[in-house]
Amino acid sequence: MIIKVMVSMVSRMMMMNHMLMMQMLMVMVMMMMMIMMMMMMMMMMMMMMMMMMVIRRRRRRMRRRRRRRTTTTVTLTRRRWRRRRMA
């Protein structure tokens, strides 16, 4: 998408005068910079959100639930398996 727009803009610029061409180039560069900045900001926000979610999940679920529920179930299953193997 962006590449096609760039090509069309360049083809238009070639038809114009040099001064207009320079102005158009400046505008293009500014637009590209703005788009890049927006993309970077969006990526950073997404990363921050993901990190926050992961940290929250770890803090809440690991510390409280794992010690009570999952550990007991795992230990019980392991003990059963050992008993079956031994018998």
C-alpha atoms as a PDB file:
ATOM      1  CA  MET A   1       0.000   0.000   0.000  1.00  0.00           C
ATOM      2  CA  ILE A   2       2.547   2.576   1.181  1.00  0.00           C
ATOM      3  CA  ILE A   3       4.987   1.675  -1.602  1.00  0.00           C
ATOM      4  CA  LYS A   4       2.334   2.225  -4.274  1.00  0.00           C
ATOM      5  CA  VAL A   5       1.466   5.625  -2.823  1.00  0.00           C
ATOM      6  CA  MET A   6       5.178   6.512  -2.731  1.00  0.00           C
ATOM      7  CA  VAL A   7       5.621   5.571  -6.399  1.00  0.00           C
ATOM      8  CA  SER A   8       2.592   7.613  -7.454  1.00  0.00           C
ATOM      9  CA  MET A   9       3.835  10.619  -5.463  1.00  0.00           C
ATOM     10  CA  VAL A  10       7.286  10.371  -7.059  1.00  0.00           C
ATOM     11  CA  SER A  11       5.787  10.138 -10.556  1.00  0.00           C
ATOM     12  CA  ARG A  12       3.706  13.251  -9.833  1.00  0.00           C
ATOM     13  CA  MET A  13       6.723  15.114  -8.437  1.00  0.00           C
ATOM     14  CA  MET A  14       8.733  14.469 -11.597  1.00  0.00           C
ATOM     15  CA  MET A  15       6.111  16.399 -13.581  1.00  0.00           C
ATOM     16  CA  MET A  16       6.286  19.460 -11.305  1.00  0.00           C
ATOM     17  CA  ASN A  17       8.959  22.120 -10.884  1.00  0.00           C
ATOM     18  CA  HIS A  18      12.032  21.685  -8.706  1.00  0.00           C
ATOM     19  CA  MET A  19      10.827  23.922  -5.895  1.00  0.00           C
ATOM     20  CA  LEU A  20       7.494  22.115  -5.656  1.00  0.00           C
ATOM     21  CA  MET A  21       9.369  18.815  -5.821  1.00  0.00           C
ATOM     22  CA  MET A  22      11.494  19.808  -2.835  1.00  0.00           C
ATOM     23  CA  GLN A  23       8.428  20.874  -0.881  1.00  0.00           C
ATOM     24  CA  MET A  24       6.665  17.617  -1.729  1.00  0.00           C
ATOM     25  CA  LEU A  25       9.721  15.635  -0.653  1.00  0.00           C
ATOM     26  CA  MET A  26       9.785  17.457   2.670  1.00  0.00           C
ATOM     27  CA  VAL A  27       6.091  16.742   3.194  1.00  0.00           C
ATOM     28  CA  MET A  28       6.634  13.095   2.291  1.00  0.00           C
ATOM     29  CA  VAL A  29       9.496  12.770   4.754  1.00  0.00           C
ATOM     30  CA  MET A  30       7.441  14.429   7.475  1.00  0.00           C
ATOM     31  CA  MET A  31       4.505  12.117   6.789  1.00  0.00           C
ATOM     32  CA  MET A  32       6.743   9.054   6.876  1.00  0.00           C
ATOM     33  CA  MET A  33       8.282  10.203  10.152  1.00  0.00           C
ATOM     34  CA  MET A  34       4.850  10.761  11.653  1.00  0.00           C
ATOM     35  CA  ILE A  35       3.638   7.328  10.539  1.00  0.00           C
ATOM     36  CA  MET A  36       6.780   5.682  11.925  1.00  0.00           C
ATOM     37  CA  MET A  37       6.367   7.504  15.244  1.00  0.00           C
ATOM     38  CA  MET A  38       2.728   6.442  15.465  1.00  0.00           C
ATOM     39  CA  MET A  39       3.632   2.829  14.728  1.00  0.00           C
ATOM     40  CA  MET A  40       6.382   2.898  17.348  1.00  0.00           C
ATOM     41  CA  MET A  41       4.019   4.384  19.929  1.00  0.00           C
ATOM     42  CA  MET A  42       1.393   1.748  19.179  1.00  0.00           C
ATOM     43  CA  MET A  43       3.972  -1.039  19.465  1.00  0.00           C
ATOM     44  CA  MET A  44       5.254   0.356  22.759  1.00  0.00           C
ATOM     45  CA  MET A  45       1.724   0.602  24.140  1.00  0.00           C
ATOM     46  CA  MET A  46       0.952  -2.963  23.086  1.00  0.00           C
ATOM     47  CA  MET A  47       4.184  -4.232  24.652  1.00  0.00           C
ATOM     48  CA  MET A  48       3.454  -2.386  27.897  1.00  0.00           C
ATOM     49  CA  MET A  49      -0.069  -3.799  28.021  1.00  0.00           C
ATOM     50  CA  MET A  50       1.194  -7.324  27.399  1.00  0.00           C
ATOM     51  CA  MET A  51       3.874  -6.978  30.074  1.00  0.00           C
ATOM     52  CA  MET A  52       1.345  -5.645  32.580  1.00  0.00           C
ATOM     53  CA  MET A  53      -1.033  -8.517  31.851  1.00  0.00           C
ATOM     54  CA  VAL A  54       1.742 -11.102  32.235  1.00  0.00           C
ATOM     55  CA  ILE A  55       2.979  -9.576  35.496  1.00  0.00           C
ATOM     56  CA  ARG A  56      -0.546  -9.403  36.902  1.00  0.00           C
ATOM     57  CA  ARG A  57      -1.265 -13.005  35.919  1.00  0.00           C
ATOM     58  CA  ARG A  58       1.969 -14.238  37.445  1.00  0.00           C
ATOM     59  CA  ARG A  59       1.522 -12.335  40.682  1.00  0.00           C
ATOM     60  CA  ARG A  60      -2.128 -13.273  41.184  1.00  0.00           C
ATOM     61  CA  ARG A  61      -2.342 -16.838  39.910  1.00  0.00           C
ATOM     62  CA  MET A  62       1.101 -18.277  40.648  1.00  0.00           C
ATOM     63  CA  ARG A  63       1.451 -17.204  44.276  1.00  0.00           C
ATOM     64  CA  ARG A  64      -2.095 -17.820  45.500  1.00  0.00           C
ATOM     65  CA  ARG A  65      -3.662 -20.582  43.419  1.00  0.00           C
ATOM     66  CA  ARG A  66      -0.700 -22.784  42.498  1.00  0.00           C
ATOM     67  CA  ARG A  67       0.336 -23.566  46.073  1.00  0.00           C
ATOM     68  CA  ARG A  68      -3.157 -24.718  47.018  1.00  0.00           C
ATOM     69  CA  ARG A  69      -4.753 -26.374  43.984  1.00  0.00           C
ATOM     70  CA  THR A  70      -2.296 -27.413  41.269  1.00  0.00           C
ATOM     71  CA  THR A  71       0.517 -28.573  43.584  1.00  0.00           C
ATOM     72  CA  THR A  72      -1.822 -30.864  45.524  1.00  0.00           C
ATOM     73  CA  THR A  73      -3.281 -32.371  42.346  1.00  0.00           C
ATOM     74  CA  VAL A  74       0.179 -32.907  40.854  1.00  0.00           C
ATOM     75  CA  THR A  75       1.499 -34.515  44.055  1.00  0.00           C
ATOM     76  CA  LEU A  76      -1.566 -36.755  44.300  1.00  0.00           C
ATOM     77  CA  THR A  77      -1.261 -37.892  40.689  1.00  0.00           C
ATOM     78  CA  ARG A  78       2.458 -38.546  41.116  1.00  0.00           C
ATOM     79  CA  ARG A  79       1.882 -40.581  44.265  1.00  0.00           C
ATOM     80  CA  ARG A  80      -0.785 -42.640  42.523  1.00  0.00           C
ATOM     81  CA  TRP A  81       1.519 -43.314  39.575  1.00  0.00           C
ATOM     82  CA  ARG A  82       4.334 -44.368  41.892  1.00  0.00           C
ATOM     83  CA  ARG A  83       2.019 -46.707  43.794  1.00  0.00           C
ATOM     84  CA  ARG A  84       0.806 -48.266  40.540  1.00  0.00           C
ATOM     85  CA  ARG A  85       4.364 -48.776  39.337  1.00  0.00           C
ATOM     86  CA  MET A  86       5.513 -50.240  42.640  1.00  0.00           C
ATOM     87  CA  ALA A  87       2.504 -52.611  42.921  1.00  0.00           C
END
